[in-house]
Amino acid sequence: MAEKLFFSLKVFTLGFSVVMIVLFALYGLTAFFNRLTLPVSKKKEGPSRQGADGVPSQQMAAAIAAALNYHQAALLDSTPHSAQEIQPPPVRGTRWQAAGREELTRKSTRVDLLRRKYI
């Protein structure tokens, strides 16, 4: 009995060691490739949205102000802006199928409105 337990512990230790060595090797490879590709990704920056002194341009400032104004107006106004009731097309088949599809459409519309925080 003790021999079987000792043998199973050996197999467990060997297997666990192999798995951990492989995982550490994979981690090392990914860290190595991240170091190789990091300088390349830092150099590829998009066009600057700021002027020479670090202040956003007038167009960018106007766009940010308009977006903030729209967002604040939407928060104050509780009526939905773009929520429309969707009428499902007529379904061929039994009334059970039509009722089931209508219920699924109604629930998906409600989930969509909840996600957009209109309800």
N, C-alpha and C. Protein backbone atom coordinates (compact mmCIF):
# COMPACT_ATOMS: atom_id res chain seq x y z
N MET A 1 0.82 -1.19 0.00
CA MET A 1 0.00 0.00 0.00
C MET A 1 0.87 1.26 0.00
N ALA A 2 1.88 1.27 0.82
CA ALA A 2 2.76 2.44 0.91
C ALA A 2 3.54 2.62 -0.39
N GLU A 3 3.87 1.48 -1.05
CA GLU A 3 4.61 1.57 -2.31
C GLU A 3 3.76 2.25 -3.38
N LYS A 4 2.46 1.91 -3.44
CA LYS A 4 1.56 2.52 -4.42
C LYS A 4 1.40 4.02 -4.15
N LEU A 5 1.28 4.37 -2.89
CA LEU A 5 1.15 5.78 -2.54
C LEU A 5 2.41 6.55 -2.90
N PHE A 6 3.57 5.96 -2.62
CA PHE A 6 4.84 6.61 -2.94
C PHE A 6 5.00 6.78 -4.45
N PHE A 7 4.62 5.73 -5.22
CA PHE A 7 4.70 5.78 -6.68
C PHE A 7 3.75 6.85 -7.22
N SER A 8 2.53 6.94 -6.68
CA SER A 8 1.57 7.93 -7.17
C SER A 8 2.03 9.36 -6.83
N LEU A 9 2.68 9.55 -5.69
CA LEU A 9 3.23 10.86 -5.37
C LEU A 9 4.37 11.25 -6.30
N LYS A 10 5.17 10.26 -6.69
CA LYS A 10 6.24 10.51 -7.66
C LYS A 10 5.66 10.96 -9.01
N VAL A 11 4.65 10.23 -9.46
CA VAL A 11 4.03 10.56 -10.75
C VAL A 11 3.38 11.94 -10.68
N PHE A 12 2.70 12.23 -9.57
CA PHE A 12 2.07 13.53 -9.40
C PHE A 12 3.11 14.64 -9.42
N THR A 13 4.20 14.47 -8.69
CA THR A 13 5.24 15.49 -8.62
C THR A 13 5.88 15.69 -9.99
N LEU A 14 6.15 14.60 -10.69
CA LEU A 14 6.75 14.71 -12.01
C LEU A 14 5.81 15.44 -12.97
N GLY A 15 4.54 15.05 -12.98
CA GLY A 15 3.57 15.68 -13.87
C GLY A 15 3.38 17.15 -13.55
N PHE A 16 3.25 17.47 -12.29
CA PHE A 16 3.07 18.86 -11.88
C PHE A 16 4.29 19.69 -12.25
N SER A 17 5.47 19.14 -12.07
CA SER A 17 6.70 19.85 -12.43
C SER A 17 6.76 20.13 -13.92
N VAL A 18 6.40 19.14 -14.72
CA VAL A 18 6.43 19.33 -16.18
C VAL A 18 5.45 20.43 -16.59
N VAL A 19 4.26 20.40 -16.03
CA VAL A 19 3.26 21.42 -16.37
C VAL A 19 3.74 22.80 -15.97
N MET A 20 4.29 22.95 -14.79
CA MET A 20 4.75 24.25 -14.33
C MET A 20 5.92 24.76 -15.17
N ILE A 21 6.83 23.88 -15.55
CA ILE A 21 7.96 24.29 -16.38
C ILE A 21 7.47 24.78 -17.74
N VAL A 22 6.51 24.07 -18.32
CA VAL A 22 5.96 24.49 -19.62
C VAL A 22 5.26 25.84 -19.47
N LEU A 23 4.50 26.04 -18.40
CA LEU A 23 3.80 27.31 -18.20
C LEU A 23 4.79 28.46 -18.02
N PHE A 24 5.83 28.25 -17.25
CA PHE A 24 6.84 29.30 -17.08
C PHE A 24 7.56 29.59 -18.39
N ALA A 25 7.81 28.57 -19.20
CA ALA A 25 8.44 28.78 -20.50
C ALA A 25 7.53 29.59 -21.41
N LEU A 26 6.24 29.30 -21.41
CA LEU A 26 5.30 30.08 -22.23
C LEU A 26 5.22 31.53 -21.75
N TYR A 27 5.23 31.71 -20.44
CA TYR A 27 5.22 33.07 -19.90
C TYR A 27 6.48 33.82 -20.34
N GLY A 28 7.62 33.16 -20.28
CA GLY A 28 8.86 33.79 -20.71
C GLY A 28 8.83 34.15 -22.19
N LEU A 29 8.28 33.27 -23.02
CA LEU A 29 8.19 33.57 -24.45
C LEU A 29 7.28 34.76 -24.72
N THR A 30 6.13 34.81 -24.05
CA THR A 30 5.23 35.94 -24.28
C THR A 30 5.85 37.24 -23.78
N ALA A 31 6.54 37.20 -22.65
CA ALA A 31 7.21 38.41 -22.15
C ALA A 31 8.30 38.85 -23.12
N PHE A 32 9.03 37.88 -23.69
CA PHE A 32 10.09 38.20 -24.65
C PHE A 32 9.50 38.84 -25.90
N PHE A 33 8.43 38.27 -26.44
CA PHE A 33 7.83 38.84 -27.64
C PHE A 33 7.17 40.19 -27.37
N ASN A 34 6.66 40.40 -26.17
CA ASN A 34 6.11 41.71 -25.82
C ASN A 34 7.22 42.76 -25.80
N ARG A 35 8.37 42.40 -25.31
CA ARG A 35 9.50 43.35 -25.29
C ARG A 35 9.97 43.66 -26.70
N LEU A 36 9.90 42.67 -27.59
CA LEU A 36 10.32 42.91 -28.97
C LEU A 36 9.35 43.83 -29.70
N THR A 37 8.07 43.67 -29.47
CA THR A 37 7.08 44.43 -30.23
C THR A 37 6.68 45.74 -29.56
N LEU A 38 7.00 45.97 -28.32
CA LEU A 38 6.60 47.18 -27.61
C LEU A 38 7.16 48.45 -28.24
N PRO A 39 8.44 48.53 -28.57
CA PRO A 39 8.94 49.78 -29.17
C PRO A 39 8.27 50.09 -30.51
N VAL A 40 7.90 49.09 -31.27
CA VAL A 40 7.25 49.31 -32.56
C VAL A 40 5.88 49.92 -32.35
N SER A 41 5.12 49.42 -31.37
CA SER A 41 3.77 49.93 -31.17
C SER A 41 3.78 51.33 -30.57
N LYS A 42 4.81 51.71 -29.82
CA LYS A 42 4.87 53.05 -29.27
C LYS A 42 5.15 54.08 -30.36
N LYS A 43 5.88 53.70 -31.38
CA LYS A 43 6.23 54.65 -32.43
C LYS A 43 5.04 54.95 -33.33
N LYS A 44 4.08 54.06 -33.42
CA LYS A 44 2.93 54.23 -34.31
C LYS A 44 1.81 54.95 -33.56
N GLU A 45 1.94 56.22 -33.40
CA GLU A 45 0.90 57.01 -32.77
C GLU A 45 0.14 57.75 -33.85
N GLY A 46 -1.12 58.01 -33.59
CA GLY A 46 -1.96 58.70 -34.55
C GLY A 46 -1.63 60.19 -34.59
N PRO A 47 -2.38 60.92 -35.42
CA PRO A 47 -2.12 62.36 -35.49
C PRO A 47 -2.47 63.03 -34.17
N SER A 48 -1.74 64.05 -33.86
CA SER A 48 -1.93 64.75 -32.59
C SER A 48 -3.19 65.58 -32.64
N ARG A 49 -3.95 65.53 -31.57
CA ARG A 49 -5.17 66.33 -31.49
C ARG A 49 -4.93 67.59 -30.68
N GLN A 50 -3.71 67.86 -30.37
CA GLN A 50 -3.38 69.02 -29.56
C GLN A 50 -2.45 69.92 -30.34
N GLY A 51 -2.48 71.16 -29.97
CA GLY A 51 -1.58 72.13 -30.60
C GLY A 51 -0.17 71.96 -30.08
N ALA A 52 0.67 72.90 -30.44
CA ALA A 52 2.08 72.83 -30.03
C ALA A 52 2.24 73.02 -28.53
N ASP A 53 1.34 73.76 -27.91
CA ASP A 53 1.47 74.02 -26.47
C ASP A 53 0.71 73.00 -25.62
N GLY A 54 0.14 71.95 -26.22
CA GLY A 54 -0.53 70.91 -25.46
C GLY A 54 -2.00 71.18 -25.20
N VAL A 55 -2.53 72.28 -25.72
CA VAL A 55 -3.94 72.63 -25.55
C VAL A 55 -4.72 72.06 -26.74
N PRO A 56 -5.90 71.44 -26.50
CA PRO A 56 -6.68 70.90 -27.62
C PRO A 56 -7.06 71.99 -28.61
N SER A 57 -7.19 71.59 -29.87
CA SER A 57 -7.57 72.55 -30.89
C SER A 57 -9.01 73.01 -30.67
N GLN A 58 -9.40 74.09 -31.35
CA GLN A 58 -10.74 74.64 -31.15
C GLN A 58 -11.82 73.67 -31.63
N GLN A 59 -11.56 72.96 -32.70
CA GLN A 59 -12.55 71.99 -33.19
C GLN A 59 -12.75 70.86 -32.18
N MET A 60 -11.65 70.39 -31.61
CA MET A 60 -11.75 69.32 -30.63
C MET A 60 -12.47 69.80 -29.38
N ALA A 61 -12.16 71.01 -28.93
CA ALA A 61 -12.83 71.57 -27.75
C ALA A 61 -14.32 71.74 -28.01
N ALA A 62 -14.69 72.17 -29.22
CA ALA A 62 -16.10 72.33 -29.55
C ALA A 62 -16.81 70.98 -29.59
N ALA A 63 -16.15 69.96 -30.13
CA ALA A 63 -16.75 68.63 -30.18
C ALA A 63 -16.94 68.06 -28.78
N ILE A 64 -15.97 68.26 -27.91
CA ILE A 64 -16.09 67.77 -26.53
C ILE A 64 -17.21 68.49 -25.80
N ALA A 65 -17.30 69.81 -25.99
CA ALA A 65 -18.36 70.58 -25.34
C ALA A 65 -19.74 70.14 -25.84
N ALA A 66 -19.87 69.89 -27.14
CA ALA A 66 -21.15 69.45 -27.69
C ALA A 66 -21.53 68.07 -27.15
N ALA A 67 -20.56 67.18 -27.04
CA ALA A 67 -20.84 65.84 -26.52
C ALA A 67 -21.26 65.90 -25.06
N LEU A 68 -20.58 66.73 -24.27
CA LEU A 68 -20.96 66.87 -22.86
C LEU A 68 -22.35 67.49 -22.72
N ASN A 69 -22.65 68.48 -23.54
CA ASN A 69 -23.96 69.11 -23.49
C ASN A 69 -25.05 68.10 -23.85
N TYR A 70 -24.83 67.31 -24.89
CA TYR A 70 -25.81 66.30 -25.30
C TYR A 70 -26.00 65.27 -24.19
N HIS A 71 -24.92 64.85 -23.56
CA HIS A 71 -25.00 63.84 -22.51
C HIS A 71 -25.75 64.39 -21.29
N GLN A 72 -25.49 65.63 -20.90
CA GLN A 72 -26.19 66.22 -19.77
C GLN A 72 -27.66 66.42 -20.07
N ALA A 73 -27.99 66.80 -21.30
CA ALA A 73 -29.39 66.97 -21.67
C ALA A 73 -30.10 65.62 -21.67
N ALA A 74 -29.42 64.57 -22.08
CA ALA A 74 -30.03 63.24 -22.07
C ALA A 74 -30.26 62.75 -20.66
N LEU A 75 -29.38 63.11 -19.73
CA LEU A 75 -29.56 62.71 -18.34
C LEU A 75 -30.74 63.44 -17.70
N LEU A 76 -30.92 64.70 -18.04
CA LEU A 76 -32.02 65.47 -17.47
C LEU A 76 -33.36 65.10 -18.08
N ASP A 77 -33.35 64.75 -19.35
CA ASP A 77 -34.58 64.40 -20.06
C ASP A 77 -34.81 62.90 -19.91
N SER A 78 -35.95 62.51 -19.37
CA SER A 78 -36.19 61.09 -19.13
C SER A 78 -36.87 60.40 -20.30
N THR A 79 -37.26 61.15 -21.34
CA THR A 79 -37.92 60.51 -22.48
C THR A 79 -36.86 59.87 -23.37
N PRO A 80 -37.14 58.69 -23.90
CA PRO A 80 -36.16 58.05 -24.78
C PRO A 80 -36.01 58.80 -26.09
N HIS A 81 -34.78 58.92 -26.56
CA HIS A 81 -34.51 59.68 -27.77
C HIS A 81 -34.65 58.83 -29.03
N SER A 82 -34.15 57.62 -28.99
CA SER A 82 -34.15 56.82 -30.20
C SER A 82 -34.82 55.47 -30.01
N ALA A 83 -35.58 55.31 -28.94
CA ALA A 83 -36.25 54.03 -28.71
C ALA A 83 -37.54 53.97 -29.51
N GLN A 84 -37.68 52.95 -30.30
CA GLN A 84 -38.88 52.76 -31.10
C GLN A 84 -39.42 51.38 -30.82
N GLU A 85 -40.72 51.28 -30.83
CA GLU A 85 -41.34 49.97 -30.66
C GLU A 85 -41.26 49.24 -32.00
N ILE A 86 -40.70 48.05 -31.98
CA ILE A 86 -40.51 47.27 -33.19
C ILE A 86 -41.67 46.29 -33.33
N GLN A 87 -42.33 46.36 -34.46
CA GLN A 87 -43.41 45.42 -34.73
C GLN A 87 -42.84 44.21 -35.46
N PRO A 88 -42.99 43.03 -34.90
CA PRO A 88 -42.44 41.85 -35.57
C PRO A 88 -43.23 41.52 -36.83
N PRO A 89 -42.57 40.96 -37.82
CA PRO A 89 -43.30 40.58 -39.03
C PRO A 89 -44.24 39.41 -38.72
N PRO A 90 -45.27 39.25 -39.54
CA PRO A 90 -46.18 38.13 -39.29
C PRO A 90 -45.45 36.79 -39.40
N VAL A 91 -45.81 35.88 -38.52
CA VAL A 91 -45.13 34.59 -38.44
C VAL A 91 -46.05 33.52 -39.02
N ARG A 92 -45.49 32.72 -39.90
CA ARG A 92 -46.25 31.58 -40.41
C ARG A 92 -46.10 30.44 -39.43
N GLY A 93 -47.16 29.73 -39.23
CA GLY A 93 -47.11 28.60 -38.31
C GLY A 93 -48.25 28.70 -37.32
N THR A 94 -48.08 28.04 -36.21
CA THR A 94 -49.14 28.00 -35.21
C THR A 94 -49.17 29.29 -34.39
N ARG A 95 -50.25 29.46 -33.66
CA ARG A 95 -50.35 30.63 -32.79
C ARG A 95 -49.33 30.57 -31.66
N TRP A 96 -48.97 29.36 -31.24
CA TRP A 96 -47.97 29.21 -30.19
C TRP A 96 -46.62 29.75 -30.65
N GLN A 97 -46.25 29.42 -31.89
CA GLN A 97 -44.98 29.93 -32.43
C GLN A 97 -45.00 31.45 -32.53
N ALA A 98 -46.12 32.00 -33.02
CA ALA A 98 -46.22 33.45 -33.15
C ALA A 98 -46.15 34.13 -31.79
N ALA A 99 -46.84 33.57 -30.79
CA ALA A 99 -46.82 34.16 -29.45
C ALA A 99 -45.42 34.07 -28.84
N GLY A 100 -44.74 32.95 -29.05
CA GLY A 100 -43.39 32.80 -28.53
C GLY A 100 -42.42 33.78 -29.15
N ARG A 101 -42.48 33.95 -30.47
CA ARG A 101 -41.59 34.90 -31.13
C ARG A 101 -41.90 36.33 -30.74
N GLU A 102 -43.18 36.64 -30.57
CA GLU A 102 -43.56 37.99 -30.14
C GLU A 102 -43.02 38.27 -28.74
N GLU A 103 -43.10 37.28 -27.86
CA GLU A 103 -42.59 37.45 -26.50
C GLU A 103 -41.07 37.63 -26.50
N LEU A 104 -40.37 36.85 -27.33
CA LEU A 104 -38.92 37.00 -27.43
C LEU A 104 -38.53 38.38 -27.95
N THR A 105 -39.27 38.89 -28.95
CA THR A 105 -38.99 40.22 -29.48
C THR A 105 -39.23 41.29 -28.42
N ARG A 106 -40.31 41.15 -27.67
CA ARG A 106 -40.63 42.13 -26.63
C ARG A 106 -39.55 42.12 -25.54
N LYS A 107 -39.10 40.93 -25.15
CA LYS A 107 -38.07 40.84 -24.11
C LYS A 107 -36.74 41.40 -24.60
N SER A 108 -36.38 41.12 -25.85
CA SER A 108 -35.10 41.63 -26.35
C SER A 108 -35.15 43.15 -26.48
N THR A 109 -36.31 43.69 -26.84
CA THR A 109 -36.45 45.15 -26.90
C THR A 109 -36.31 45.74 -25.51
N ARG A 110 -36.90 45.10 -24.51
CA ARG A 110 -36.81 45.60 -23.13
C ARG A 110 -35.36 45.54 -22.64
N VAL A 111 -34.66 44.46 -22.95
CA VAL A 111 -33.25 44.36 -22.54
C VAL A 111 -32.43 45.45 -23.21
N ASP A 112 -32.72 45.72 -24.48
CA ASP A 112 -31.99 46.77 -25.19
C ASP A 112 -32.26 48.13 -24.56
N LEU A 113 -33.50 48.40 -24.19
CA LEU A 113 -33.83 49.68 -23.55
C LEU A 113 -33.21 49.77 -22.17
N LEU A 114 -33.17 48.66 -21.43
CA LEU A 114 -32.51 48.66 -20.11
C LEU A 114 -31.03 48.93 -20.26
N ARG A 115 -30.42 48.34 -21.26
CA ARG A 115 -28.99 48.53 -21.49
C ARG A 115 -28.69 50.00 -21.82
N ARG A 116 -29.60 50.64 -22.56
CA ARG A 116 -29.41 52.05 -22.89
C ARG A 116 -29.89 52.98 -21.79
N LYS A 117 -30.43 52.40 -20.72
CA LYS A 117 -30.91 53.14 -19.54
C LYS A 117 -32.06 54.08 -19.87
N TYR A 118 -32.98 53.61 -20.73
CA TYR A 118 -34.18 54.39 -21.04
C TYR A 118 -35.33 54.01 -20.12
N ILE A 119 -35.22 52.87 -19.46
CA ILE A 119 -36.31 52.43 -18.58
C ILE A 119 -35.87 52.59 -17.16
